[in-house]
Amino acid sequence: MTDFAAGLLHFLATAFARLPWPWLRGMADGLARLWVARDTRSAKVVRRNLDLAYPGLLPAQRDDLEAAVLRTTSRQAIETLRFWTRPHARNLKLIRETQGVDLFDAAVASGRGVIVAAPHYGNWELLNQWLASRTPLAILYAPPDSDIGEAFLRRVRAAHGDEGRVTQVRAEGPAIRQLFKLLQAGGVAGILPDQQPKAGDGEFAPFFGIPALTMTLLTRLAQRTGATVLLGYCERVGDTPDGPAFALRFEAVPDAAEGVAALNAAVERVARRDPAQYQWTYKRWSIPAPGSALGNPYWPDCYPASAQRAALPTDQG
């Protein structure tokens, strides 16, 4: 049943993504305007994040950036459906510029293993497809809550010739050991470094000047395997009738093995390139540092009513 439902989702996604890009872009922009007009939870999270990360913005500037972030977020979701359901060679033609590919090639050729730290910036699924076109690749991912969602994700990421070249590794203890073995053997792993781990599974380090719980896995992998760490991302640089144009960029992170502060600083540099392309819909600071006066800055406005009701004290009378 799960595989059938995932297959049906894939069929519907494929049919939808075949619409002309100008139509899809118009629908995405309309959805973003609706989010703003209805002040949805996504809009509230973006606004809260921008208040935290850019406290010097004037209200009008923040509103403009919020609208740009939501517009980019909705476009990114539709872009990804197209990338998942079209031949990858066709998708890769949208990469019009490259920077630092020589760093990646040299790191692979060294045989010491490569960790590609891919922030939630631009379109990371297109980056995955480019990497898979060059080398076998392991991708660390947090599984969706739904079994159907996970089956769909596995299906689309292994489609169009990448099956056998992409190993999808759940962010769990036994599977993570695969990454150590892979890197020690000179393989390539892709990790989203700005995904907040569970409480107790990371360390706090500044991100836009605010302590953020940050994964230690990438740092530990680099320390224990000696793998080269590169920051990689596909940045939007324009538009075409067939979709957005991208620049593929790699940057060295020579101090990544020294701790999570260096990793956060690298991600922040990328996010500041074009704040509208960063995933500000994510509750990055929802777990406060010990002793922090900030608390959870998203509570209660950025949570569904059901979560707010569940947090109310039980009536004992």
Protein backbone atom coordinates (compact mmCIF):
# COMPACT_ATOMS: atom_id res chain seq x y z
CA MET A 1 0.00 0.00 0.00
CA THR A 2 2.84 2.38 0.88
CA ASP A 3 4.63 1.78 -2.43
CA PHE A 4 1.35 2.20 -4.36
CA ALA A 5 0.62 5.52 -2.65
CA ALA A 6 4.19 6.71 -3.27
CA GLY A 7 3.85 5.73 -6.92
CA LEU A 8 0.59 7.63 -7.20
CA LEU A 9 2.19 10.71 -5.64
CA HIS A 10 5.03 10.42 -8.13
CA PHE A 11 2.58 10.22 -11.04
CA LEU A 12 0.67 13.31 -9.86
CA ALA A 13 3.90 15.24 -9.22
CA THR A 14 5.15 14.36 -12.71
CA ALA A 15 1.92 15.51 -14.34
CA PHE A 16 1.92 18.78 -12.40
CA ALA A 17 5.61 19.50 -13.04
CA ARG A 18 5.11 19.18 -16.82
CA LEU A 19 3.21 22.47 -16.89
CA PRO A 20 5.23 25.32 -18.47
CA TRP A 21 7.59 26.97 -16.03
CA PRO A 22 5.99 30.46 -16.38
CA TRP A 23 2.67 28.93 -15.27
CA LEU A 24 4.27 27.15 -12.32
CA ARG A 25 6.18 30.27 -11.32
CA GLY A 26 2.94 32.28 -11.41
CA MET A 27 1.20 29.72 -9.20
CA ALA A 28 4.12 29.72 -6.77
CA ASP A 29 4.10 33.51 -6.53
CA GLY A 30 0.35 33.51 -5.98
CA LEU A 31 0.74 30.98 -3.18
CA ALA A 32 3.40 33.14 -1.53
CA ARG A 33 1.10 36.19 -1.65
CA LEU A 34 -1.64 34.09 -0.04
CA TRP A 35 0.72 33.06 2.78
CA VAL A 36 1.46 36.72 3.48
CA ALA A 37 -2.17 37.84 3.24
CA ARG A 38 -3.38 35.07 5.58
CA ASP A 39 -0.38 35.42 7.90
CA THR A 40 0.16 31.66 7.91
CA ARG A 41 2.52 29.90 10.33
CA SER A 42 5.20 29.88 7.64
CA ALA A 43 4.90 33.65 7.31
CA LYS A 44 5.12 34.05 11.08
CA VAL A 45 8.24 31.86 11.30
CA VAL A 46 9.94 33.84 8.54
CA ARG A 47 9.08 37.14 10.23
CA ARG A 48 10.37 35.93 13.60
CA ASN A 49 13.59 34.65 12.05
CA LEU A 50 14.22 37.89 10.20
CA ASP A 51 13.63 39.87 13.41
CA LEU A 52 16.26 37.70 15.10
CA ALA A 53 18.83 37.55 12.31
CA TYR A 54 18.45 41.12 11.00
CA PRO A 55 17.32 43.22 13.98
CA GLY A 56 18.32 46.45 12.24
CA LEU A 57 15.77 46.13 9.43
CA LEU A 58 13.06 48.76 9.25
CA PRO A 59 9.51 47.32 9.26
CA ALA A 60 9.04 48.02 5.54
CA GLN A 61 12.40 46.37 4.73
CA ARG A 62 11.50 43.33 6.80
CA ASP A 63 8.10 43.04 5.09
CA ASP A 64 9.75 43.20 1.65
CA LEU A 65 12.29 40.54 2.61
CA GLU A 66 9.59 38.34 4.15
CA ALA A 67 7.64 38.46 0.87
CA ALA A 68 10.80 37.64 -1.10
CA VAL A 69 11.64 34.69 1.17
CA LEU A 70 8.15 33.20 0.86
CA ARG A 71 8.16 33.71 -2.90
CA THR A 72 11.51 31.91 -3.17
CA THR A 73 10.31 29.15 -0.82
CA SER A 74 7.23 28.40 -2.92
CA ARG A 75 9.24 28.50 -6.15
CA GLN A 76 11.85 26.19 -4.65
CA ALA A 77 9.20 23.61 -3.79
CA ILE A 78 7.88 23.58 -7.35
CA GLU A 79 11.39 23.59 -8.82
CA THR A 80 12.16 20.52 -6.77
CA LEU A 81 9.11 18.67 -8.08
CA ARG A 82 10.37 19.36 -11.61
CA PHE A 83 13.89 18.25 -10.77
CA TRP A 84 12.63 15.05 -9.17
CA THR A 85 10.41 14.09 -12.12
CA ARG A 86 12.51 15.09 -15.15
CA PRO A 87 15.70 13.59 -16.60
CA HIS A 88 18.59 14.84 -14.50
CA ALA A 89 20.71 15.66 -17.53
CA ARG A 90 18.03 18.14 -18.54
CA ASN A 91 17.94 19.69 -15.08
CA LEU A 92 21.70 20.12 -15.00
CA LYS A 93 21.54 22.31 -18.11
CA LEU A 94 20.07 24.99 -15.84
CA ILE A 95 23.48 25.32 -14.16
CA ARG A 96 24.93 28.23 -16.15
CA GLU A 97 27.93 29.07 -13.95
CA THR A 98 30.37 27.07 -11.86
CA GLN A 99 32.88 28.06 -9.19
CA GLY A 100 35.22 25.83 -7.22
CA VAL A 101 34.54 22.62 -9.15
CA ASP A 102 38.31 22.16 -9.26
CA LEU A 103 38.27 22.02 -5.44
CA PHE A 104 35.70 19.23 -5.56
CA ASP A 105 37.52 17.26 -8.24
CA ALA A 106 40.82 17.55 -6.38
CA ALA A 107 39.22 16.45 -3.11
CA VAL A 108 37.71 13.36 -4.76
CA ALA A 109 40.99 12.54 -6.50
CA SER A 110 42.88 12.72 -3.19
CA GLY A 111 41.10 9.56 -1.99
CA ARG A 112 40.69 10.95 1.57
CA GLY A 113 36.91 11.23 1.39
CA VAL A 114 34.77 14.31 0.80
CA ILE A 115 31.99 15.82 2.92
CA VAL A 116 29.83 18.27 0.99
CA ALA A 117 28.13 20.54 3.52
CA ALA A 118 25.03 21.80 1.68
CA PRO A 119 23.14 24.59 3.48
CA HIS A 120 19.40 25.09 2.98
CA TYR A 121 20.16 27.71 0.34
CA GLY A 122 19.21 27.89 -3.32
CA ASN A 123 18.22 24.42 -4.49
CA TRP A 124 20.03 21.58 -2.72
CA GLU A 125 18.24 18.85 -4.70
CA LEU A 126 19.85 20.13 -7.91
CA LEU A 127 23.19 20.01 -6.12
CA ASN A 128 22.52 16.36 -5.22
CA GLN A 129 21.86 15.56 -8.86
CA TRP A 130 25.06 17.26 -10.00
CA LEU A 131 27.08 15.36 -7.41
CA ALA A 132 25.49 12.05 -8.43
CA SER A 133 26.39 12.79 -12.05
CA ARG A 134 30.07 12.96 -11.05
CA THR A 135 30.50 10.30 -8.39
CA PRO A 136 28.64 7.76 -6.23
CA LEU A 137 27.15 9.68 -3.33
CA ALA A 138 25.66 9.07 0.12
CA ILE A 139 23.05 11.56 1.32
CA LEU A 140 22.23 11.92 5.01
CA TYR A 141 18.58 12.80 5.54
CA ALA A 142 16.02 13.12 8.32
CA PRO A 143 13.15 10.79 7.35
CA PRO A 144 9.67 12.32 7.00
CA ASP A 145 7.05 11.46 9.60
CA SER A 146 5.03 9.60 6.97
CA ASP A 147 6.08 6.20 5.57
CA ILE A 148 4.50 7.23 2.28
CA GLY A 149 6.51 10.45 2.28
CA GLU A 150 9.73 8.53 2.84
CA ALA A 151 8.91 6.01 0.10
CA PHE A 152 8.21 8.90 -2.28
CA LEU A 153 11.48 10.59 -1.34
CA ARG A 154 13.49 7.44 -1.93
CA ARG A 155 11.76 6.89 -5.26
CA VAL A 156 12.38 10.35 -6.68
CA ARG A 157 15.97 10.62 -5.48
CA ALA A 158 16.87 7.31 -7.15
CA ALA A 159 15.08 8.05 -10.42
CA HIS A 160 16.45 8.84 -13.89
CA GLY A 161 19.62 6.80 -13.76
CA ASP A 162 20.85 7.69 -10.27
CA GLU A 163 19.76 4.39 -8.73
CA GLY A 164 22.87 2.68 -7.46
CA ARG A 165 24.81 5.95 -7.43
CA VAL A 166 22.86 7.56 -4.57
CA THR A 167 22.74 5.90 -1.15
CA GLN A 168 20.18 7.53 1.13
CA VAL A 169 21.25 7.28 4.77
CA ARG A 170 18.74 7.90 7.53
CA ALA A 171 20.06 10.16 10.28
CA GLU A 172 20.20 7.35 12.83
CA GLY A 173 23.00 5.62 14.74
CA PRO A 174 23.47 2.38 12.71
CA ALA A 175 23.21 4.15 9.37
CA ILE A 176 25.57 6.93 10.42
CA ARG A 177 28.28 4.32 10.90
CA GLN A 178 27.97 3.79 7.14
CA LEU A 179 29.25 7.30 6.61
CA PHE A 180 32.42 6.66 8.61
CA LYS A 181 33.17 3.58 6.51
CA LEU A 182 32.29 5.39 3.29
CA LEU A 183 34.56 8.35 4.00
CA GLN A 184 37.41 6.16 5.24
CA ALA A 185 37.19 4.39 1.86
CA GLY A 186 37.46 7.74 0.03
CA GLY A 187 33.75 8.19 -0.74
CA VAL A 188 31.59 11.31 -0.95
CA ALA A 189 28.82 12.23 1.52
CA GLY A 190 26.32 15.09 1.37
CA ILE A 191 25.05 16.56 4.65
CA LEU A 192 22.71 19.48 5.40
CA PRO A 193 24.72 21.17 8.20
CA ASP A 194 22.06 23.63 9.39
CA GLN A 195 19.40 21.09 10.36
CA GLN A 196 18.77 21.35 14.10
CA PRO A 197 19.51 18.06 15.89
CA LYS A 198 17.52 16.72 18.81
CA ALA A 199 18.26 18.19 22.23
CA GLY A 200 21.39 16.52 23.59
CA ASP A 201 22.69 15.54 20.13
CA GLY A 202 24.55 18.74 19.31
CA GLU A 203 26.37 21.78 20.62
CA PHE A 204 25.42 25.44 20.75
CA ALA A 205 27.32 27.87 18.55
CA PRO A 206 26.53 31.38 17.25
CA PHE A 207 24.41 31.65 14.13
CA PHE A 208 23.63 35.26 13.20
CA GLY A 209 24.86 36.13 16.69
CA ILE A 210 22.37 33.84 18.48
CA PRO A 211 23.33 30.47 20.04
CA ALA A 212 21.89 27.71 17.84
CA LEU A 213 21.91 24.00 18.58
CA THR A 214 24.14 22.62 15.81
CA MET A 215 24.94 19.07 14.72
CA THR A 216 28.34 17.75 15.76
CA LEU A 217 28.21 14.82 13.33
CA LEU A 218 29.89 16.61 10.44
CA THR A 219 32.73 17.84 12.64
CA ARG A 220 33.24 14.38 14.15
CA LEU A 221 33.28 12.77 10.71
CA ALA A 222 35.92 15.23 9.53
CA GLN A 223 38.03 14.72 12.65
CA ARG A 224 37.91 10.93 12.62
CA THR A 225 38.28 10.30 8.88
CA GLY A 226 40.40 13.25 7.70
CA ALA A 227 37.87 13.89 4.93
CA THR A 228 37.93 17.20 3.07
CA VAL A 229 34.95 19.43 3.89
CA LEU A 230 33.54 21.63 1.13
CA LEU A 231 30.57 23.97 1.26
CA GLY A 232 28.40 23.32 -1.80
CA TYR A 233 25.27 25.05 -3.08
CA CYS A 234 23.28 25.85 -6.23
CA GLU A 235 22.46 29.56 -6.15
CA ARG A 236 19.74 31.12 -8.32
CA VAL A 237 21.22 33.71 -10.66
CA GLY A 238 18.44 34.35 -13.17
CA ASP A 239 15.46 32.87 -14.96
CA THR A 240 14.79 31.09 -18.25
CA PRO A 241 11.61 29.90 -20.00
CA ASP A 242 12.43 26.39 -18.72
CA GLY A 243 13.13 27.37 -15.12
CA PRO A 244 15.59 29.33 -13.01
CA ALA A 245 19.26 29.54 -13.91
CA PHE A 246 21.78 28.48 -11.26
CA ALA A 247 25.41 28.91 -10.31
CA LEU A 248 27.06 25.85 -8.76
CA ARG A 249 29.58 26.89 -6.12
CA PHE A 250 32.03 25.04 -3.88
CA GLU A 251 34.04 26.66 -1.10
CA ALA A 252 36.72 25.19 1.15
CA VAL A 253 35.99 24.99 4.88
CA PRO A 254 39.47 24.21 6.21
CA ASP A 255 38.49 24.75 9.86
CA ALA A 256 35.36 22.56 9.79
CA ALA A 257 37.04 19.89 11.94
CA GLU A 258 37.77 22.44 14.67
CA GLY A 259 34.16 22.72 15.86
CA VAL A 260 30.59 23.70 15.08
CA ALA A 261 31.25 27.46 15.35
CA ALA A 262 33.29 27.35 12.13
CA LEU A 263 30.53 25.41 10.41
CA ASN A 264 27.83 27.90 11.43
CA ALA A 265 30.01 30.82 10.34
CA ALA A 266 30.41 29.23 6.89
CA VAL A 267 26.66 28.66 6.53
CA GLU A 268 25.95 32.21 7.67
CA ARG A 269 28.29 33.61 5.01
CA VAL A 270 26.31 31.77 2.35
CA ALA A 271 22.92 32.84 3.76
CA ARG A 272 24.01 36.49 3.74
CA ARG A 273 24.82 36.33 0.02
CA ASP A 274 21.11 36.53 -0.76
CA PRO A 275 18.89 36.19 2.34
CA ALA A 276 15.81 35.52 0.19
CA GLN A 277 17.34 32.21 -0.94
CA TYR A 278 17.85 30.84 2.57
CA GLN A 279 15.21 28.63 4.23
CA TRP A 280 13.91 31.03 6.84
CA THR A 281 10.72 28.93 7.23
CA TYR A 282 12.71 26.64 9.56
CA LYS A 283 12.57 27.15 13.36
CA ARG A 284 16.36 27.29 13.69
CA TRP A 285 16.42 28.61 17.28
CA SER A 286 13.50 26.65 18.78
CA ILE A 287 15.77 24.91 21.34
CA PRO A 288 17.28 27.65 23.52
CA ALA A 289 20.76 27.50 24.98
CA PRO A 290 20.94 26.81 28.74
CA GLY A 291 20.35 30.04 30.64
CA SER A 292 19.18 31.89 27.53
CA ALA A 293 16.66 34.65 28.19
CA LEU A 294 15.34 34.24 24.65
CA GLY A 295 13.52 30.98 25.33
CA ASN A 296 11.73 29.50 22.33
CA PRO A 297 11.14 32.63 20.22
CA TYR A 298 8.51 30.86 18.08
CA TRP A 299 6.17 29.98 20.94
CA PRO A 300 3.22 30.14 20.79
CA ASP A 301 2.46 32.12 17.60
CA CYS A 302 4.37 29.87 15.19
CA TYR A 303 2.82 26.59 16.35
CA PRO A 304 -0.54 25.03 15.43
CA ALA A 305 -3.47 25.49 17.77
CA SER A 306 -3.39 21.78 18.64
CA ALA A 307 0.16 22.12 20.01
CA GLN A 308 -0.82 25.18 22.01
CA ARG A 309 -3.81 23.36 23.51
CA ALA A 310 -1.67 20.36 24.39
CA ALA A 311 0.69 22.61 26.33
CA LEU A 312 -2.07 24.03 28.53
CA PRO A 313 -2.13 22.76 32.16
CA THR A 314 -4.58 19.92 32.70
CA ASP A 315 -7.68 21.02 34.60
CA GLN A 316 -7.52 19.10 37.85
CA GLY A 317 -10.81 20.48 39.20
